[in-house]
């Protein structure tokens, strides 16, 4: 699939050190990697992840969970959790959870 395994702690630290610039790159990378699994490119989800992250991650997770189910990949749909975390201002936790799911897929791809 071509998903890159990223260290979550390093990504958070780089986001802090670069005053959020790396965070923007990280969001873009998360969405594009997840869309590789989904098998379609949706510019609306990408834009929403930047403008209204709680809605963007909710939509991304819904599509991601459906694609994983179609491909027989074990995955739990956390879309409601992403929505709640985003609404209370914990979007960084959403990013970490998405990256964790993508890292699991990248690890199974490498094997």
N, C-alpha and C. Protein backbone atom coordinates (compact mmCIF):
# COMPACT_ATOMS: atom_id res chain seq x y z
N UNK A 1 0.81 -1.20 0.00
CA UNK A 1 0.00 0.00 0.00
C UNK A 1 0.85 1.26 0.00
N UNK A 2 2.06 1.17 0.51
CA UNK A 2 2.94 2.33 0.52
C UNK A 2 2.69 3.28 1.67
N UNK A 3 2.24 2.76 2.81
CA UNK A 3 1.99 3.59 3.98
C UNK A 3 3.27 3.68 4.79
N UNK A 4 3.65 4.90 5.17
CA UNK A 4 4.87 5.10 5.93
C UNK A 4 4.58 4.99 7.42
N UNK A 5 5.40 4.23 8.12
CA UNK A 5 5.31 4.08 9.56
C UNK A 5 5.98 5.29 10.21
N UNK A 6 5.21 6.10 10.95
CA UNK A 6 5.75 7.30 11.59
C UNK A 6 5.72 7.15 13.10
N UNK A 7 6.74 7.63 13.76
CA UNK A 7 6.80 7.63 15.21
C UNK A 7 5.90 8.75 15.73
N UNK A 8 4.92 8.41 16.54
CA UNK A 8 3.93 9.37 17.00
C UNK A 8 4.56 10.42 17.92
N UNK A 9 5.44 10.00 18.81
CA UNK A 9 6.07 10.94 19.74
C UNK A 9 6.93 11.96 18.97
N UNK A 10 7.68 11.49 18.00
CA UNK A 10 8.51 12.39 17.19
C UNK A 10 7.63 13.37 16.42
N UNK A 11 6.51 12.89 15.88
CA UNK A 11 5.61 13.77 15.15
C UNK A 11 5.03 14.86 16.05
N UNK A 12 4.67 14.50 17.28
CA UNK A 12 4.15 15.49 18.22
C UNK A 12 5.23 16.51 18.56
N UNK A 13 6.44 16.02 18.86
CA UNK A 13 7.53 16.94 19.20
C UNK A 13 7.89 17.86 18.04
N UNK A 14 7.93 17.33 16.83
CA UNK A 14 8.21 18.16 15.67
C UNK A 14 7.11 19.21 15.46
N UNK A 15 5.87 18.83 15.73
CA UNK A 15 4.77 19.79 15.61
C UNK A 15 4.93 20.93 16.61
N UNK A 16 5.39 20.60 17.80
CA UNK A 16 5.60 21.64 18.83
C UNK A 16 6.80 22.51 18.47
N UNK A 17 7.91 21.89 18.11
CA UNK A 17 9.14 22.63 17.82
C UNK A 17 8.98 23.55 16.61
N UNK A 18 8.22 23.10 15.61
CA UNK A 18 8.05 23.91 14.40
C UNK A 18 6.82 24.82 14.48
N UNK A 19 6.27 24.97 15.67
CA UNK A 19 5.09 25.82 15.89
C UNK A 19 3.91 25.43 15.01
N UNK A 20 3.73 24.14 14.80
CA UNK A 20 2.58 23.63 14.08
C UNK A 20 2.79 23.39 12.60
N UNK A 21 3.92 23.80 12.04
CA UNK A 21 4.14 23.60 10.61
C UNK A 21 4.23 22.12 10.28
N UNK A 22 4.97 21.36 11.08
CA UNK A 22 5.03 19.93 10.83
C UNK A 22 3.66 19.29 11.05
N UNK A 23 2.89 19.83 11.96
CA UNK A 23 1.54 19.32 12.21
C UNK A 23 0.68 19.38 10.96
N UNK A 24 0.82 20.44 10.18
CA UNK A 24 0.08 20.56 8.92
C UNK A 24 0.50 19.48 7.93
N UNK A 25 1.81 19.26 7.84
CA UNK A 25 2.33 18.18 6.98
C UNK A 25 1.83 16.83 7.46
N UNK A 26 1.82 16.65 8.78
CA UNK A 26 1.39 15.39 9.36
C UNK A 26 -0.08 15.12 9.04
N UNK A 27 -0.93 16.14 9.14
CA UNK A 27 -2.34 15.98 8.80
C UNK A 27 -2.48 15.54 7.34
N UNK A 28 -1.76 16.23 6.46
CA UNK A 28 -1.80 15.87 5.04
C UNK A 28 -1.36 14.42 4.83
N UNK A 29 -0.30 14.02 5.52
CA UNK A 29 0.21 12.65 5.39
C UNK A 29 -0.78 11.62 5.91
N UNK A 30 -1.42 11.93 7.04
CA UNK A 30 -2.42 11.02 7.60
C UNK A 30 -3.57 10.79 6.63
N UNK A 31 -4.06 11.87 6.08
CA UNK A 31 -5.22 11.75 5.18
C UNK A 31 -4.84 11.02 3.90
N UNK A 32 -3.70 11.35 3.32
CA UNK A 32 -3.31 10.68 2.07
C UNK A 32 -3.01 9.20 2.29
N UNK A 33 -2.37 8.87 3.41
CA UNK A 33 -2.12 7.45 3.71
C UNK A 33 -3.42 6.69 3.95
N UNK A 34 -4.35 7.29 4.68
CA UNK A 34 -5.64 6.63 4.93
C UNK A 34 -6.41 6.46 3.62
N UNK A 35 -6.29 7.44 2.73
CA UNK A 35 -6.99 7.34 1.45
C UNK A 35 -6.39 6.26 0.56
N UNK A 36 -5.12 5.92 0.77
CA UNK A 36 -4.53 4.79 0.05
C UNK A 36 -5.22 3.49 0.45
N UNK A 37 -5.55 3.37 1.73
CA UNK A 37 -6.25 2.19 2.21
C UNK A 37 -7.68 2.19 1.68
N UNK A 38 -8.32 3.36 1.72
CA UNK A 38 -9.70 3.49 1.28
C UNK A 38 -9.81 3.22 -0.22
N UNK A 39 -8.80 3.66 -0.96
CA UNK A 39 -8.80 3.42 -2.39
C UNK A 39 -9.41 4.54 -3.20
N UNK A 40 -9.67 5.66 -2.56
CA UNK A 40 -10.21 6.82 -3.27
C UNK A 40 -9.65 8.10 -2.65
N UNK A 41 -9.55 9.11 -3.46
CA UNK A 41 -9.05 10.40 -3.00
C UNK A 41 -10.23 11.35 -2.85
N UNK A 42 -10.44 11.84 -1.64
CA UNK A 42 -11.56 12.74 -1.37
C UNK A 42 -11.00 14.06 -0.86
N UNK A 43 -11.01 15.07 -1.71
CA UNK A 43 -10.45 16.37 -1.35
C UNK A 43 -11.26 17.03 -0.23
N UNK A 44 -12.56 16.73 -0.15
CA UNK A 44 -13.39 17.32 0.90
C UNK A 44 -12.92 16.89 2.28
N UNK A 45 -12.59 15.62 2.44
CA UNK A 45 -12.10 15.13 3.73
C UNK A 45 -10.78 15.80 4.08
N UNK A 46 -9.91 15.97 3.10
CA UNK A 46 -8.63 16.63 3.34
C UNK A 46 -8.84 18.06 3.81
N UNK A 47 -9.70 18.79 3.14
CA UNK A 47 -9.97 20.18 3.52
C UNK A 47 -10.61 20.25 4.90
N UNK A 48 -11.56 19.35 5.16
CA UNK A 48 -12.22 19.34 6.48
C UNK A 48 -11.25 19.01 7.61
N UNK A 49 -10.26 18.17 7.35
CA UNK A 49 -9.28 17.85 8.38
C UNK A 49 -8.46 19.08 8.77
N UNK A 50 -8.33 20.02 7.85
CA UNK A 50 -7.61 21.27 8.17
C UNK A 50 -8.54 22.31 8.79
N UNK A 51 -9.76 22.44 8.28
CA UNK A 51 -10.66 23.51 8.71
C UNK A 51 -11.52 23.10 9.91
N UNK A 52 -12.18 21.97 9.82
CA UNK A 52 -13.01 21.43 10.90
C UNK A 52 -12.53 20.01 11.20
N UNK A 53 -11.44 19.89 11.94
CA UNK A 53 -10.82 18.57 12.11
C UNK A 53 -11.74 17.51 12.69
N UNK A 54 -12.62 17.89 13.62
CA UNK A 54 -13.48 16.87 14.22
C UNK A 54 -14.42 16.26 13.18
N UNK A 55 -14.88 17.04 12.23
CA UNK A 55 -15.74 16.52 11.16
C UNK A 55 -14.90 15.73 10.15
N UNK A 56 -13.72 16.26 9.82
CA UNK A 56 -12.85 15.59 8.86
C UNK A 56 -12.40 14.22 9.33
N UNK A 57 -11.98 14.13 10.59
CA UNK A 57 -11.52 12.84 11.11
C UNK A 57 -12.69 11.88 11.27
N UNK A 58 -13.87 12.40 11.60
CA UNK A 58 -15.06 11.55 11.68
C UNK A 58 -15.35 10.91 10.33
N UNK A 59 -15.36 11.74 9.27
CA UNK A 59 -15.64 11.22 7.93
C UNK A 59 -14.54 10.27 7.46
N UNK A 60 -13.28 10.63 7.74
CA UNK A 60 -12.16 9.78 7.35
C UNK A 60 -12.25 8.42 8.03
N UNK A 61 -12.58 8.41 9.31
CA UNK A 61 -12.66 7.15 10.05
C UNK A 61 -13.82 6.29 9.55
N UNK A 62 -14.95 6.91 9.23
CA UNK A 62 -16.08 6.14 8.68
C UNK A 62 -15.66 5.42 7.40
N UNK A 63 -15.01 6.14 6.49
CA UNK A 63 -14.57 5.55 5.23
C UNK A 63 -13.47 4.52 5.46
N UNK A 64 -12.55 4.83 6.38
CA UNK A 64 -11.44 3.94 6.68
C UNK A 64 -11.95 2.61 7.25
N UNK A 65 -12.90 2.69 8.19
CA UNK A 65 -13.46 1.48 8.80
C UNK A 65 -14.19 0.63 7.76
N UNK A 66 -14.93 1.30 6.87
CA UNK A 66 -15.65 0.57 5.82
C UNK A 66 -14.67 -0.12 4.87
N UNK A 67 -13.59 0.57 4.50
CA UNK A 67 -12.59 -0.01 3.60
C UNK A 67 -11.87 -1.18 4.27
N UNK A 68 -11.57 -1.05 5.54
CA UNK A 68 -10.92 -2.16 6.26
C UNK A 68 -11.84 -3.37 6.32
N UNK A 69 -13.13 -3.14 6.55
CA UNK A 69 -14.08 -4.25 6.60
C UNK A 69 -14.17 -4.94 5.24
N UNK A 70 -14.17 -4.16 4.16
CA UNK A 70 -14.23 -4.74 2.82
C UNK A 70 -13.00 -5.60 2.52
N UNK A 71 -11.84 -5.14 3.00
CA UNK A 71 -10.59 -5.84 2.70
C UNK A 71 -10.26 -6.92 3.72
N UNK A 72 -11.12 -7.08 4.73
CA UNK A 72 -10.89 -8.11 5.74
C UNK A 72 -9.83 -7.75 6.76
N UNK A 73 -9.55 -6.46 6.92
CA UNK A 73 -8.58 -5.98 7.90
C UNK A 73 -9.31 -5.70 9.20
N UNK A 74 -8.79 -6.23 10.29
CA UNK A 74 -9.43 -6.02 11.58
C UNK A 74 -9.24 -4.57 12.02
N UNK A 75 -10.37 -3.89 12.26
CA UNK A 75 -10.33 -2.48 12.66
C UNK A 75 -11.64 -2.13 13.37
N UNK A 76 -11.54 -1.36 14.44
CA UNK A 76 -12.70 -0.90 15.18
C UNK A 76 -13.05 0.51 14.73
N UNK A 77 -14.31 0.77 14.46
CA UNK A 77 -14.76 2.10 14.03
C UNK A 77 -14.80 3.03 15.24
N UNK A 78 -13.87 3.99 15.26
CA UNK A 78 -13.77 4.95 16.35
C UNK A 78 -14.27 6.34 15.95
N UNK A 79 -15.14 6.42 14.96
CA UNK A 79 -15.54 7.71 14.42
C UNK A 79 -16.23 8.59 15.46
N UNK A 80 -17.07 8.03 16.31
CA UNK A 80 -17.75 8.82 17.33
C UNK A 80 -16.74 9.35 18.34
N UNK A 81 -15.77 8.53 18.70
CA UNK A 81 -14.72 8.96 19.62
C UNK A 81 -13.92 10.11 19.01
N UNK A 82 -13.61 10.02 17.71
CA UNK A 82 -12.89 11.10 17.02
C UNK A 82 -13.70 12.39 17.06
N UNK A 83 -15.00 12.27 16.86
CA UNK A 83 -15.87 13.44 16.87
C UNK A 83 -15.88 14.09 18.25
N UNK A 84 -16.03 13.29 19.29
CA UNK A 84 -16.08 13.82 20.66
C UNK A 84 -14.74 14.45 21.05
N UNK A 85 -13.64 13.76 20.77
CA UNK A 85 -12.32 14.30 21.11
C UNK A 85 -12.06 15.61 20.37
N UNK A 86 -12.46 15.68 19.11
CA UNK A 86 -12.27 16.90 18.35
C UNK A 86 -13.11 18.05 18.88
N UNK A 87 -14.32 17.75 19.31
CA UNK A 87 -15.20 18.80 19.84
C UNK A 87 -14.69 19.38 21.16
N UNK A 88 -14.00 18.57 21.95
CA UNK A 88 -13.47 19.07 23.22
C UNK A 88 -12.04 19.60 23.08
N UNK A 89 -11.55 19.70 21.86
CA UNK A 89 -10.25 20.31 21.62
C UNK A 89 -9.06 19.37 21.68
N UNK A 90 -9.29 18.10 21.56
CA UNK A 90 -8.20 17.14 21.61
C UNK A 90 -7.95 16.52 20.24
N UNK A 91 -7.85 17.36 19.23
CA UNK A 91 -7.60 16.91 17.87
C UNK A 91 -6.28 16.19 17.72
N UNK A 92 -5.31 16.55 18.55
CA UNK A 92 -4.00 15.89 18.49
C UNK A 92 -4.13 14.42 18.85
N UNK A 93 -5.08 14.09 19.73
CA UNK A 93 -5.31 12.69 20.09
C UNK A 93 -5.91 11.96 18.88
N UNK A 94 -6.80 12.63 18.14
CA UNK A 94 -7.33 12.04 16.90
C UNK A 94 -6.19 11.71 15.95
N UNK A 95 -5.28 12.66 15.79
CA UNK A 95 -4.14 12.44 14.88
C UNK A 95 -3.30 11.25 15.33
N UNK A 96 -3.07 11.15 16.63
CA UNK A 96 -2.28 10.03 17.16
C UNK A 96 -2.99 8.70 16.93
N UNK A 97 -4.31 8.67 17.10
CA UNK A 97 -5.06 7.44 16.91
C UNK A 97 -5.06 7.00 15.44
N UNK A 98 -5.22 7.98 14.54
CA UNK A 98 -5.18 7.65 13.11
C UNK A 98 -3.80 7.12 12.75
N UNK A 99 -2.75 7.79 13.25
CA UNK A 99 -1.39 7.35 12.95
C UNK A 99 -1.14 5.96 13.50
N UNK A 100 -1.65 5.67 14.68
CA UNK A 100 -1.49 4.34 15.27
C UNK A 100 -2.14 3.28 14.38
N UNK A 101 -3.35 3.56 13.88
CA UNK A 101 -4.01 2.61 12.97
C UNK A 101 -3.20 2.42 11.69
N UNK A 102 -2.68 3.52 11.15
CA UNK A 102 -1.88 3.43 9.93
C UNK A 102 -0.57 2.69 10.18
N UNK A 103 0.04 2.90 11.35
CA UNK A 103 1.28 2.19 11.68
C UNK A 103 1.04 0.68 11.75
N UNK A 104 -0.12 0.28 12.28
CA UNK A 104 -0.44 -1.15 12.33
C UNK A 104 -0.52 -1.73 10.92
N UNK A 105 -1.14 -0.98 10.01
CA UNK A 105 -1.24 -1.46 8.63
C UNK A 105 0.13 -1.45 7.95
N UNK A 106 0.96 -0.45 8.25
CA UNK A 106 2.29 -0.40 7.66
C UNK A 106 3.14 -1.56 8.15
N UNK A 107 2.98 -1.93 9.41
CA UNK A 107 3.72 -3.07 9.96
C UNK A 107 3.30 -4.38 9.29
N UNK A 108 2.01 -4.55 9.06
CA UNK A 108 1.55 -5.79 8.42
C UNK A 108 1.93 -5.80 6.95
N UNK A 109 2.04 -4.63 6.32
CA UNK A 109 2.49 -4.54 4.94
C UNK A 109 3.95 -4.97 4.78
N UNK A 110 4.76 -4.62 5.79
CA UNK A 110 6.19 -4.89 5.73
C UNK A 110 6.50 -6.38 5.89
N UNK A 111 5.60 -7.10 6.54
CA UNK A 111 5.84 -8.53 6.81
C UNK A 111 5.66 -9.39 5.60
